[in-house]
Amino acid sequence: MSLLVKVCGMREAQNCQAVTSCKPDLMGFIFYEKSPRFVGHNFTMPELLSNDVKRVGVFVNESVDEMVKLADQHRLDFVQLHGDENADFAKALYEKHIKVIKAFRVDEHFDFNTTQSYTPYVDYFLFDTKGQHYGGNAMRFNWDLLQQYKGKTPFLLSGGIKQEHMNEVSAFKHSQFVGIDINSGVELSPGVKSIEKVKEIIQELN
């Protein structure tokens, strides 16, 4: 089975078009002002070359009303909750027929039982490295910790993943592991991706 690839932290229209040509499965746009990859207040969703690339809006502790508004405005296929949102946020989006990805920041103290309350409302979990910021920490965590996850919701791996980690990605085994999220590990500058690096990763995993 080939793994899903989500390219996150996209912003510039031309770069989006170029990354789309590499055929990722999902493309992430960050609607969080404190992120160096924030799309900006006057953002217009680029016309993607293929409807096969799903649009993901990434939010941190945003109101449900604002997320619903932006999901409609930008024709988002998924809303990613990347802050401290409880399961009520996921439920509210689910009830409005919005697909949800819930991110968790993992370290050796993370309790995987905290994922359970989200399970009825979420399409994917995303396990990221716990750091000083809500994502974008460009560091990997110990993937062996994920063997503690016994849930049935499929998940994406995130956190500083680069092309040189592809052997480890291919070797990683978990019944619910379905893909990876790449961002800073394939960047030329915040929000601008190296097409060569993205292409290499996608080709290697497929």
N, C-alpha and C. Protein backbone atom coordinates (compact mmCIF):
# COMPACT_ATOMS: atom_id res chain seq x y z
N MET A 1 0.84 -1.20 0.00
CA MET A 1 0.00 0.00 0.00
C MET A 1 0.88 1.25 0.00
N SER A 2 0.60 2.15 -0.93
CA SER A 2 1.35 3.40 -0.95
C SER A 2 0.85 4.31 0.16
N LEU A 3 1.75 5.13 0.68
CA LEU A 3 1.41 6.02 1.79
C LEU A 3 0.89 7.36 1.26
N LEU A 4 -0.03 7.95 2.00
CA LEU A 4 -0.48 9.30 1.69
C LEU A 4 0.63 10.30 2.00
N VAL A 5 0.71 11.34 1.20
CA VAL A 5 1.67 12.42 1.46
C VAL A 5 0.90 13.74 1.54
N LYS A 6 1.03 14.40 2.68
CA LYS A 6 0.45 15.73 2.88
C LYS A 6 1.60 16.73 2.90
N VAL A 7 1.54 17.71 2.02
CA VAL A 7 2.53 18.79 2.00
C VAL A 7 1.88 19.99 2.68
N CYS A 8 2.42 20.37 3.82
CA CYS A 8 1.78 21.41 4.63
C CYS A 8 2.58 22.71 4.60
N GLY A 9 1.91 23.79 5.00
CA GLY A 9 2.57 25.09 5.05
C GLY A 9 2.70 25.74 3.69
N MET A 10 1.73 25.47 2.80
CA MET A 10 1.76 26.06 1.47
C MET A 10 1.13 27.45 1.49
N ARG A 11 1.52 28.28 0.51
CA ARG A 11 1.02 29.66 0.52
C ARG A 11 1.07 30.31 -0.86
N GLU A 12 2.23 30.25 -1.52
CA GLU A 12 2.44 30.97 -2.77
C GLU A 12 1.80 30.21 -3.94
N ALA A 13 1.03 30.92 -4.76
CA ALA A 13 0.26 30.28 -5.83
C ALA A 13 1.14 29.47 -6.78
N GLN A 14 2.25 30.05 -7.22
CA GLN A 14 3.11 29.37 -8.19
C GLN A 14 3.72 28.11 -7.58
N ASN A 15 4.13 28.19 -6.33
CA ASN A 15 4.70 27.03 -5.64
C ASN A 15 3.63 25.95 -5.44
N CYS A 16 2.40 26.37 -5.16
CA CYS A 16 1.30 25.42 -5.02
C CYS A 16 1.07 24.65 -6.32
N GLN A 17 1.11 25.38 -7.43
CA GLN A 17 0.92 24.74 -8.73
C GLN A 17 2.03 23.73 -8.99
N ALA A 18 3.26 24.12 -8.67
CA ALA A 18 4.40 23.23 -8.92
C ALA A 18 4.34 21.99 -8.03
N VAL A 19 3.99 22.18 -6.76
CA VAL A 19 3.87 21.03 -5.85
C VAL A 19 2.73 20.12 -6.29
N THR A 20 1.64 20.70 -6.77
CA THR A 20 0.51 19.90 -7.25
C THR A 20 0.95 18.95 -8.36
N SER A 21 1.87 19.39 -9.20
CA SER A 21 2.34 18.55 -10.30
C SER A 21 3.09 17.31 -9.80
N CYS A 22 3.53 17.35 -8.54
CA CYS A 22 4.19 16.18 -7.93
C CYS A 22 3.18 15.14 -7.44
N LYS A 23 1.92 15.51 -7.46
CA LYS A 23 0.80 14.64 -7.08
C LYS A 23 0.80 14.19 -5.62
N PRO A 24 0.88 15.15 -4.69
CA PRO A 24 0.64 14.79 -3.29
C PRO A 24 -0.85 14.48 -3.10
N ASP A 25 -1.18 13.88 -1.98
CA ASP A 25 -2.58 13.55 -1.71
C ASP A 25 -3.32 14.70 -1.05
N LEU A 26 -2.60 15.43 -0.19
CA LEU A 26 -3.19 16.54 0.54
C LEU A 26 -2.23 17.72 0.56
N MET A 27 -2.80 18.92 0.60
CA MET A 27 -1.99 20.13 0.69
C MET A 27 -2.54 20.99 1.82
N GLY A 28 -1.65 21.40 2.74
CA GLY A 28 -2.08 22.12 3.92
C GLY A 28 -1.80 23.61 3.86
N PHE A 29 -2.78 24.40 4.31
CA PHE A 29 -2.69 25.86 4.34
C PHE A 29 -2.94 26.31 5.77
N ILE A 30 -2.01 27.08 6.33
CA ILE A 30 -2.04 27.40 7.75
C ILE A 30 -2.74 28.74 8.01
N PHE A 31 -3.85 28.67 8.73
CA PHE A 31 -4.63 29.86 9.08
C PHE A 31 -4.38 30.21 10.55
N TYR A 32 -3.13 30.37 10.89
CA TYR A 32 -2.72 30.68 12.27
C TYR A 32 -1.71 31.80 12.20
N GLU A 33 -2.08 32.97 12.72
CA GLU A 33 -1.28 34.18 12.52
C GLU A 33 0.15 34.08 13.04
N LYS A 34 0.37 33.31 14.09
CA LYS A 34 1.70 33.26 14.69
C LYS A 34 2.66 32.33 13.95
N SER A 35 2.16 31.62 12.97
CA SER A 35 3.01 30.73 12.18
C SER A 35 3.76 31.52 11.11
N PRO A 36 5.05 31.21 10.88
CA PRO A 36 5.77 31.86 9.77
C PRO A 36 5.22 31.45 8.41
N ARG A 37 4.34 30.46 8.40
CA ARG A 37 3.73 30.00 7.15
C ARG A 37 2.25 30.41 7.07
N PHE A 38 1.86 31.36 7.90
CA PHE A 38 0.48 31.89 7.87
C PHE A 38 0.15 32.38 6.47
N VAL A 39 -1.02 31.99 5.98
CA VAL A 39 -1.37 32.34 4.60
C VAL A 39 -1.64 33.83 4.41
N GLY A 40 -1.97 34.53 5.49
CA GLY A 40 -2.25 35.96 5.39
C GLY A 40 -3.74 36.23 5.40
N HIS A 41 -4.09 37.48 5.71
CA HIS A 41 -5.50 37.84 5.86
C HIS A 41 -6.21 37.97 4.52
N ASN A 42 -5.47 38.23 3.45
CA ASN A 42 -6.09 38.42 2.14
C ASN A 42 -5.82 37.24 1.22
N PHE A 43 -5.66 36.07 1.81
CA PHE A 43 -5.32 34.87 1.06
C PHE A 43 -6.44 34.46 0.11
N THR A 44 -6.04 34.09 -1.10
CA THR A 44 -6.95 33.50 -2.07
C THR A 44 -6.44 32.11 -2.40
N MET A 45 -7.30 31.11 -2.27
CA MET A 45 -6.88 29.74 -2.56
C MET A 45 -6.47 29.61 -4.02
N PRO A 46 -5.23 29.15 -4.26
CA PRO A 46 -4.78 28.98 -5.65
C PRO A 46 -5.65 27.94 -6.37
N GLU A 47 -5.81 28.14 -7.65
CA GLU A 47 -6.50 27.14 -8.45
C GLU A 47 -5.55 25.96 -8.65
N LEU A 48 -5.85 24.86 -8.00
CA LEU A 48 -4.97 23.70 -8.10
C LEU A 48 -5.21 22.99 -9.43
N LEU A 49 -4.18 22.32 -9.89
CA LEU A 49 -4.26 21.65 -11.18
C LEU A 49 -5.14 20.41 -11.14
N SER A 50 -5.30 19.84 -9.96
CA SER A 50 -6.02 18.59 -9.85
C SER A 50 -6.93 18.59 -8.63
N ASN A 51 -8.15 18.12 -8.83
CA ASN A 51 -9.06 17.97 -7.70
C ASN A 51 -8.68 16.79 -6.82
N ASP A 52 -7.72 15.99 -7.28
CA ASP A 52 -7.26 14.85 -6.49
C ASP A 52 -6.45 15.30 -5.28
N VAL A 53 -5.94 16.54 -5.31
CA VAL A 53 -5.19 17.07 -4.17
C VAL A 53 -6.18 17.72 -3.21
N LYS A 54 -6.31 17.13 -2.03
CA LYS A 54 -7.28 17.62 -1.06
C LYS A 54 -6.72 18.81 -0.28
N ARG A 55 -7.55 19.83 -0.10
CA ARG A 55 -7.14 21.05 0.61
C ARG A 55 -7.41 20.90 2.10
N VAL A 56 -6.39 21.19 2.90
CA VAL A 56 -6.51 21.10 4.36
C VAL A 56 -6.24 22.48 4.96
N GLY A 57 -7.17 22.99 5.72
CA GLY A 57 -6.95 24.23 6.46
C GLY A 57 -6.49 23.90 7.87
N VAL A 58 -5.35 24.44 8.27
CA VAL A 58 -4.77 24.16 9.58
C VAL A 58 -5.08 25.32 10.52
N PHE A 59 -5.70 25.01 11.65
CA PHE A 59 -6.13 26.02 12.61
C PHE A 59 -5.61 25.70 14.00
N VAL A 60 -5.37 26.74 14.79
CA VAL A 60 -4.91 26.58 16.17
C VAL A 60 -5.85 27.35 17.09
N ASN A 61 -6.63 26.63 17.86
CA ASN A 61 -7.52 27.24 18.87
C ASN A 61 -8.42 28.33 18.29
N GLU A 62 -8.93 28.07 17.08
CA GLU A 62 -9.82 29.00 16.40
C GLU A 62 -11.27 28.66 16.76
N SER A 63 -12.17 29.63 16.62
CA SER A 63 -13.58 29.36 16.90
C SER A 63 -14.17 28.48 15.80
N VAL A 64 -15.18 27.71 16.18
CA VAL A 64 -15.84 26.84 15.20
C VAL A 64 -16.45 27.67 14.08
N ASP A 65 -17.09 28.78 14.42
CA ASP A 65 -17.73 29.62 13.40
C ASP A 65 -16.73 30.11 12.36
N GLU A 66 -15.55 30.53 12.83
CA GLU A 66 -14.53 31.03 11.91
C GLU A 66 -14.00 29.90 11.02
N MET A 67 -13.80 28.74 11.60
CA MET A 67 -13.32 27.60 10.81
C MET A 67 -14.34 27.19 9.75
N VAL A 68 -15.61 27.18 10.13
CA VAL A 68 -16.66 26.84 9.17
C VAL A 68 -16.70 27.86 8.04
N LYS A 69 -16.59 29.14 8.40
CA LYS A 69 -16.61 30.21 7.39
C LYS A 69 -15.46 30.06 6.40
N LEU A 70 -14.25 29.83 6.93
CA LEU A 70 -13.08 29.72 6.06
C LEU A 70 -13.09 28.42 5.26
N ALA A 71 -13.63 27.36 5.85
CA ALA A 71 -13.74 26.10 5.11
C ALA A 71 -14.64 26.27 3.90
N ASP A 72 -15.71 27.02 4.07
CA ASP A 72 -16.63 27.28 2.96
C ASP A 72 -16.00 28.23 1.94
N GLN A 73 -15.38 29.29 2.44
CA GLN A 73 -14.78 30.30 1.56
C GLN A 73 -13.69 29.72 0.67
N HIS A 74 -12.87 28.83 1.25
CA HIS A 74 -11.71 28.30 0.51
C HIS A 74 -11.92 26.87 0.02
N ARG A 75 -13.15 26.38 0.12
CA ARG A 75 -13.49 25.04 -0.36
C ARG A 75 -12.52 23.99 0.22
N LEU A 76 -12.37 24.04 1.53
CA LEU A 76 -11.47 23.11 2.20
C LEU A 76 -12.10 21.72 2.26
N ASP A 77 -11.29 20.71 2.00
CA ASP A 77 -11.75 19.33 2.12
C ASP A 77 -11.64 18.82 3.55
N PHE A 78 -10.68 19.37 4.30
CA PHE A 78 -10.47 19.00 5.69
C PHE A 78 -10.16 20.24 6.51
N VAL A 79 -10.54 20.20 7.78
CA VAL A 79 -10.06 21.15 8.77
C VAL A 79 -9.14 20.39 9.72
N GLN A 80 -7.93 20.89 9.91
CA GLN A 80 -6.98 20.28 10.84
C GLN A 80 -6.92 21.10 12.12
N LEU A 81 -7.25 20.46 13.23
CA LEU A 81 -7.18 21.10 14.54
C LEU A 81 -5.80 20.86 15.11
N HIS A 82 -4.99 21.92 15.21
CA HIS A 82 -3.59 21.75 15.58
C HIS A 82 -3.26 22.42 16.91
N GLY A 83 -4.29 22.76 17.68
CA GLY A 83 -4.05 23.39 18.97
C GLY A 83 -4.51 22.51 20.11
N ASP A 84 -5.16 23.14 21.08
CA ASP A 84 -5.61 22.42 22.28
C ASP A 84 -7.12 22.15 22.24
N GLU A 85 -7.67 22.07 21.05
CA GLU A 85 -9.11 21.90 20.89
C GLU A 85 -9.58 20.57 21.50
N ASN A 86 -10.66 20.62 22.26
CA ASN A 86 -11.20 19.37 22.80
C ASN A 86 -12.12 18.71 21.77
N ALA A 87 -12.67 17.56 22.15
CA ALA A 87 -13.47 16.78 21.20
C ALA A 87 -14.74 17.50 20.78
N ASP A 88 -15.21 18.47 21.58
CA ASP A 88 -16.41 19.22 21.21
C ASP A 88 -16.20 20.00 19.91
N PHE A 89 -14.97 20.48 19.69
CA PHE A 89 -14.67 21.19 18.44
C PHE A 89 -14.81 20.24 17.26
N ALA A 90 -14.23 19.05 17.40
CA ALA A 90 -14.31 18.06 16.33
C ALA A 90 -15.76 17.66 16.07
N LYS A 91 -16.53 17.51 17.14
CA LYS A 91 -17.93 17.13 17.01
C LYS A 91 -18.72 18.22 16.28
N ALA A 92 -18.47 19.48 16.63
CA ALA A 92 -19.20 20.59 16.00
C ALA A 92 -18.92 20.65 14.50
N LEU A 93 -17.67 20.42 14.11
CA LEU A 93 -17.32 20.42 12.69
C LEU A 93 -17.93 19.21 11.99
N TYR A 94 -17.85 18.07 12.65
CA TYR A 94 -18.43 16.83 12.11
C TYR A 94 -19.93 17.00 11.84
N GLU A 95 -20.61 17.66 12.75
CA GLU A 95 -22.05 17.87 12.60
C GLU A 95 -22.39 18.82 11.46
N LYS A 96 -21.39 19.58 11.02
CA LYS A 96 -21.57 20.46 9.86
C LYS A 96 -20.99 19.82 8.60
N HIS A 97 -20.74 18.52 8.69
CA HIS A 97 -20.27 17.72 7.55
C HIS A 97 -18.90 18.17 7.05
N ILE A 98 -18.06 18.61 7.97
CA ILE A 98 -16.68 18.97 7.64
C ILE A 98 -15.76 17.86 8.13
N LYS A 99 -14.90 17.39 7.25
CA LYS A 99 -13.95 16.34 7.62
C LYS A 99 -12.84 16.93 8.49
N VAL A 100 -12.42 16.15 9.48
CA VAL A 100 -11.51 16.67 10.50
C VAL A 100 -10.25 15.82 10.62
N ILE A 101 -9.11 16.50 10.75
CA ILE A 101 -7.84 15.90 11.16
C ILE A 101 -7.49 16.52 12.50
N LYS A 102 -7.23 15.69 13.50
CA LYS A 102 -6.82 16.23 14.81
C LYS A 102 -5.36 15.90 15.06
N ALA A 103 -4.58 16.95 15.32
CA ALA A 103 -3.15 16.79 15.59
C ALA A 103 -2.91 16.68 17.09
N PHE A 104 -1.94 15.84 17.44
CA PHE A 104 -1.49 15.71 18.82
C PHE A 104 0.02 15.86 18.85
N ARG A 105 0.52 16.56 19.87
CA ARG A 105 1.96 16.76 20.03
C ARG A 105 2.48 15.70 21.00
N VAL A 106 3.38 14.87 20.51
CA VAL A 106 3.78 13.66 21.22
C VAL A 106 5.18 13.79 21.81
N ASP A 107 5.30 13.39 23.07
CA ASP A 107 6.60 13.13 23.68
C ASP A 107 6.45 11.89 24.54
N GLU A 108 7.47 11.55 25.32
CA GLU A 108 7.43 10.29 26.07
C GLU A 108 6.36 10.27 27.16
N HIS A 109 5.78 11.44 27.46
CA HIS A 109 4.74 11.50 28.49
C HIS A 109 3.32 11.52 27.91
N PHE A 110 3.21 11.48 26.59
CA PHE A 110 1.89 11.60 25.97
C PHE A 110 1.02 10.39 26.29
N ASP A 111 -0.23 10.64 26.65
CA ASP A 111 -1.19 9.58 26.95
C ASP A 111 -2.08 9.37 25.72
N PHE A 112 -1.88 8.26 25.03
CA PHE A 112 -2.64 8.00 23.80
C PHE A 112 -4.13 7.77 24.06
N ASN A 113 -4.50 7.54 25.30
CA ASN A 113 -5.93 7.41 25.62
C ASN A 113 -6.68 8.72 25.40
N THR A 114 -5.96 9.84 25.36
CA THR A 114 -6.62 11.12 25.14
C THR A 114 -7.21 11.23 23.73
N THR A 115 -6.79 10.35 22.84
CA THR A 115 -7.32 10.38 21.47
C THR A 115 -8.74 9.82 21.38
N GLN A 116 -9.13 9.02 22.35
CA GLN A 116 -10.36 8.24 22.22
C GLN A 116 -11.61 9.09 22.06
N SER A 117 -11.70 10.19 22.79
CA SER A 117 -12.92 11.01 22.74
C SER A 117 -13.14 11.66 21.38
N TYR A 118 -12.07 11.76 20.58
CA TYR A 118 -12.17 12.38 19.25
C TYR A 118 -12.61 11.38 18.17
N THR A 119 -12.44 10.10 18.47
CA THR A 119 -12.57 9.06 17.46
C THR A 119 -13.86 9.11 16.64
N PRO A 120 -15.04 9.36 17.23
CA PRO A 120 -16.27 9.35 16.42
C PRO A 120 -16.36 10.46 15.38
N TYR A 121 -15.53 11.50 15.53
CA TYR A 121 -15.71 12.72 14.73
C TYR A 121 -14.56 13.02 13.77
N VAL A 122 -13.52 12.20 13.81
CA VAL A 122 -12.27 12.54 13.12
C VAL A 122 -11.95 11.53 12.03
N ASP A 123 -11.47 12.02 10.89
CA ASP A 123 -11.08 11.13 9.79
C ASP A 123 -9.65 10.62 9.95
N TYR A 124 -8.77 11.51 10.41
CA TYR A 124 -7.37 11.13 10.65
C TYR A 124 -6.88 11.81 11.92
N PHE A 125 -5.94 11.15 12.59
CA PHE A 125 -5.11 11.81 13.58
C PHE A 125 -3.78 12.15 12.91
N LEU A 126 -3.10 13.15 13.45
CA LEU A 126 -1.75 13.50 13.01
C LEU A 126 -0.89 13.60 14.26
N PHE A 127 0.15 12.78 14.31
CA PHE A 127 1.04 12.78 15.47
C PHE A 127 2.30 13.56 15.14
N ASP A 128 2.49 14.66 15.85
CA ASP A 128 3.57 15.61 15.62
C ASP A 128 4.49 15.63 16.84
N THR A 129 5.63 16.27 16.70
CA THR A 129 6.57 16.40 17.80
C THR A 129 6.12 17.47 18.77
N LYS A 130 6.18 17.18 20.06
CA LYS A 130 5.88 18.20 21.05
C LYS A 130 7.09 19.12 21.19
N GLY A 131 6.85 20.42 21.00
CA GLY A 131 7.92 21.41 21.11
C GLY A 131 7.37 22.70 21.69
N GLN A 132 8.11 23.77 21.49
CA GLN A 132 7.70 25.06 22.05
C GLN A 132 6.52 25.67 21.31
N HIS A 133 6.32 25.26 20.07
CA HIS A 133 5.30 25.88 19.23
C HIS A 133 4.23 24.87 18.84
N TYR A 134 3.10 25.38 18.34
CA TYR A 134 2.06 24.51 17.79
C TYR A 134 2.48 24.09 16.39
N GLY A 135 3.29 23.04 16.30
CA GLY A 135 3.78 22.61 15.00
C GLY A 135 4.95 23.44 14.54
N GLY A 136 5.55 23.02 13.41
CA GLY A 136 6.66 23.77 12.84
C GLY A 136 7.92 23.73 13.68
N ASN A 137 8.06 22.68 14.52
CA ASN A 137 9.24 22.59 15.37
C ASN A 137 10.43 21.93 14.67
N ALA A 138 10.17 21.34 13.49
CA ALA A 138 11.23 20.77 12.65
C ALA A 138 12.04 19.69 13.36
N MET A 139 11.40 19.01 14.31
CA MET A 139 12.08 17.94 15.02
C MET A 139 11.25 16.67 14.96
N ARG A 140 11.93 15.53 14.95
CA ARG A 140 11.23 14.26 15.00
C ARG A 140 11.08 13.81 16.45
N PHE A 141 10.08 12.95 16.67
CA PHE A 141 9.95 12.32 17.98
C PHE A 141 10.21 10.82 17.82
N ASN A 142 10.24 10.11 18.93
CA ASN A 142 10.50 8.68 18.91
C ASN A 142 9.26 7.94 18.40
N TRP A 143 9.31 7.48 17.16
CA TRP A 143 8.14 6.84 16.56
C TRP A 143 7.76 5.54 17.26
N ASP A 144 8.68 4.95 18.00
CA ASP A 144 8.35 3.72 18.74
C ASP A 144 7.23 3.96 19.74
N LEU A 145 7.08 5.22 20.19
CA LEU A 145 6.01 5.55 21.13
C LEU A 145 4.63 5.25 20.54
N LEU A 146 4.53 5.27 19.21
CA LEU A 146 3.23 5.09 18.57
C LEU A 146 2.71 3.67 18.69
N GLN A 147 3.56 2.74 19.12
CA GLN A 147 3.05 1.39 19.36
C GLN A 147 2.09 1.37 20.54
N GLN A 148 2.10 2.43 21.34
CA GLN A 148 1.13 2.55 22.44
C GLN A 148 -0.26 2.92 21.94
N TYR A 149 -0.34 3.40 20.70
CA TYR A 149 -1.64 3.80 20.15
C TYR A 149 -2.41 2.57 19.70
N LYS A 150 -3.55 2.32 20.31
CA LYS A 150 -4.36 1.13 20.01
C LYS A 150 -5.68 1.48 19.35
N GLY A 151 -5.84 2.73 18.94
CA GLY A 151 -7.10 3.18 18.36
C GLY A 151 -7.32 2.67 16.95
N LYS A 152 -8.49 2.98 16.41
CA LYS A 152 -8.87 2.53 15.07
C LYS A 152 -8.87 3.67 14.04
N THR A 153 -8.59 4.88 14.48
CA THR A 153 -8.52 6.01 13.55
C THR A 153 -7.16 6.02 12.87
N PRO A 154 -7.11 6.06 11.54
CA PRO A 154 -5.81 6.09 10.85
C PRO A 154 -5.06 7.38 11.15
N PHE A 155 -3.73 7.31 11.05
CA PHE A 155 -2.94 8.50 11.40
C PHE A 155 -1.83 8.78 10.40
N LEU A 156 -1.43 10.06 10.41
CA LEU A 156 -0.28 10.55 9.66
C LEU A 156 0.85 10.85 10.63
N LEU A 157 2.06 10.61 10.19
CA LEU A 157 3.26 10.97 10.94
C LEU A 157 3.72 12.34 10.52
N SER A 158 4.12 13.16 11.49
CA SER A 158 4.62 14.50 11.20
C SER A 158 5.80 14.81 12.11
N GLY A 159 6.50 15.89 11.79
CA GLY A 159 7.59 16.34 12.65
C GLY A 159 8.96 16.21 12.02
N GLY A 160 9.37 17.21 11.25
CA GLY A 160 10.74 17.27 10.73
C GLY A 160 11.11 16.18 9.76
N ILE A 161 10.14 15.60 9.06
CA ILE A 161 10.43 14.50 8.15
C ILE A 161 11.08 15.03 6.87
N LYS A 162 12.20 14.39 6.51
CA LYS A 162 12.97 14.77 5.33
C LYS A 162 13.16 13.56 4.42
N GLN A 163 13.75 13.85 3.24
CA GLN A 163 13.97 12.78 2.27
C GLN A 163 14.86 11.68 2.84
N GLU A 164 15.84 12.05 3.67
CA GLU A 164 16.76 11.05 4.20
C GLU A 164 16.11 10.13 5.23
N HIS A 165 14.87 10.42 5.61
CA HIS A 165 14.16 9.56 6.57
C HIS A 165 13.27 8.53 5.89
N MET A 166 13.27 8.48 4.55
CA MET A 166 12.31 7.63 3.85
C MET A 166 12.50 6.15 4.14
N ASN A 167 13.74 5.71 4.35
CA ASN A 167 13.95 4.30 4.70
C ASN A 167 13.27 3.97 6.02
N GLU A 168 13.37 4.90 6.98
CA GLU A 168 12.73 4.68 8.28
C GLU A 168 11.21 4.74 8.16
N VAL A 169 10.72 5.65 7.31
CA VAL A 169 9.27 5.72 7.09
C VAL A 169 8.77 4.40 6.50
N SER A 170 9.49 3.89 5.51
CA SER A 170 9.08 2.64 4.86
C SER A 170 9.14 1.46 5.82
N ALA A 171 10.08 1.52 6.77
CA ALA A 171 10.25 0.42 7.72
C ALA A 171 9.26 0.49 8.88
N PHE A 172 8.67 1.66 9.10
CA PHE A 172 7.77 1.84 10.24
C PHE A 172 6.46 1.07 10.01
N LYS A 173 6.08 0.29 10.99
CA LYS A 173 4.88 -0.54 10.86
C LYS A 173 3.89 -0.25 11.99
N HIS A 174 2.67 0.03 11.59
CA HIS A 174 1.54 0.16 12.53
C HIS A 174 0.28 -0.01 11.71
N SER A 175 -0.68 -0.73 12.23
CA SER A 175 -1.88 -1.05 11.45
C SER A 175 -2.67 0.18 11.03
N GLN A 176 -2.52 1.31 11.76
CA GLN A 176 -3.27 2.52 11.43
C GLN A 176 -2.42 3.61 10.77
N PHE A 177 -1.17 3.31 10.48
CA PHE A 177 -0.28 4.29 9.84
C PHE A 177 -0.59 4.35 8.35
N VAL A 178 -1.01 5.53 7.88
CA VAL A 178 -1.43 5.64 6.48
C VAL A 178 -0.66 6.70 5.68
N GLY A 179 0.17 7.52 6.35
CA GLY A 179 0.85 8.54 5.57
C GLY A 179 1.71 9.46 6.39
N ILE A 180 2.33 10.43 5.70
CA ILE A 180 3.22 11.38 6.35
C ILE A 180 2.82 12.81 6.00
N ASP A 181 3.22 13.71 6.87
CA ASP A 181 3.02 15.15 6.69
C ASP A 181 4.41 15.78 6.59
N ILE A 182 4.69 16.44 5.48
CA ILE A 182 6.00 17.08 5.31
C ILE A 182 5.82 18.59 5.21
N ASN A 183 6.81 19.31 5.74
CA ASN A 183 6.70 20.77 5.76
C ASN A 183 8.10 21.37 5.74
N SER A 184 8.64 21.67 6.92
CA SER A 184 9.93 22.36 6.99
C SER A 184 11.07 21.54 6.39
N GLY A 185 10.95 20.22 6.40
CA GLY A 185 12.01 19.35 5.88
C GLY A 185 12.18 19.40 4.38
N VAL A 186 11.23 20.05 3.68
CA VAL A 186 11.34 20.15 2.21
C VAL A 186 11.27 21.61 1.75
N GLU A 187 11.61 22.54 2.65
CA GLU A 187 11.45 23.95 2.33
C GLU A 187 12.73 24.63 1.85
N LEU A 188 12.52 25.61 0.98
CA LEU A 188 13.58 26.56 0.60
C LEU A 188 13.54 27.76 1.54
N SER A 189 12.34 28.15 1.94
CA SER A 189 12.10 29.22 2.92
C SER A 189 10.69 28.99 3.45
N PRO A 190 10.31 29.61 4.58
CA PRO A 190 8.98 29.35 5.13
C PRO A 190 7.86 29.55 4.11
N GLY A 191 7.12 28.49 3.86
CA GLY A 191 6.01 28.56 2.92
C GLY A 191 6.35 28.23 1.49
N VAL A 192 7.64 28.06 1.18
CA VAL A 192 8.07 27.76 -0.19
C VAL A 192 8.79 26.41 -0.19
N LYS A 193 8.26 25.46 -0.96
CA LYS A 193 8.79 24.10 -0.95
C LYS A 193 9.73 23.86 -2.13
N SER A 194 10.72 22.99 -1.88
CA SER A 194 11.60 22.51 -2.94
C SER A 194 10.85 21.45 -3.73
N ILE A 195 10.63 21.71 -5.00
CA ILE A 195 9.89 20.76 -5.84
C ILE A 195 10.67 19.45 -5.95
N GLU A 196 11.99 19.55 -6.04
CA GLU A 196 12.81 18.35 -6.16
C GLU A 196 12.66 17.45 -4.94
N LYS A 197 12.68 18.06 -3.75
CA LYS A 197 12.57 17.27 -2.51
C LYS A 197 11.19 16.64 -2.37
N VAL A 198 10.16 17.40 -2.70
CA VAL A 198 8.80 16.87 -2.63
C VAL A 198 8.65 15.70 -3.60
N LYS A 199 9.14 15.90 -4.82
CA LYS A 199 9.02 14.87 -5.85
C LYS A 199 9.76 13.60 -5.44
N GLU A 200 10.96 13.75 -4.88
CA GLU A 200 11.75 12.59 -4.47
C GLU A 200 11.01 11.78 -3.41
N ILE A 201 10.42 12.47 -2.43
CA ILE A 201 9.71 11.77 -1.36
C ILE A 201 8.50 11.03 -1.90
N ILE A 202 7.72 11.68 -2.73
CA ILE A 202 6.51 11.05 -3.27
C ILE A 202 6.87 9.85 -4.14
N GLN A 203 7.90 10.00 -4.96
CA GLN A 203 8.31 8.88 -5.81
C GLN A 203 8.81 7.71 -4.99
N GLU A 204 9.54 8.01 -3.92
CA GLU A 204 10.11 6.96 -3.10
C GLU A 204 9.03 6.17 -2.35
N LEU A 205 7.95 6.85 -1.98
CA LEU A 205 6.90 6.18 -1.21
C LEU A 205 5.85 5.51 -2.09
N ASN A 206 5.93 5.75 -3.38
CA ASN A 206 4.94 5.15 -4.29
C ASN A 206 5.61 4.27 -5.33
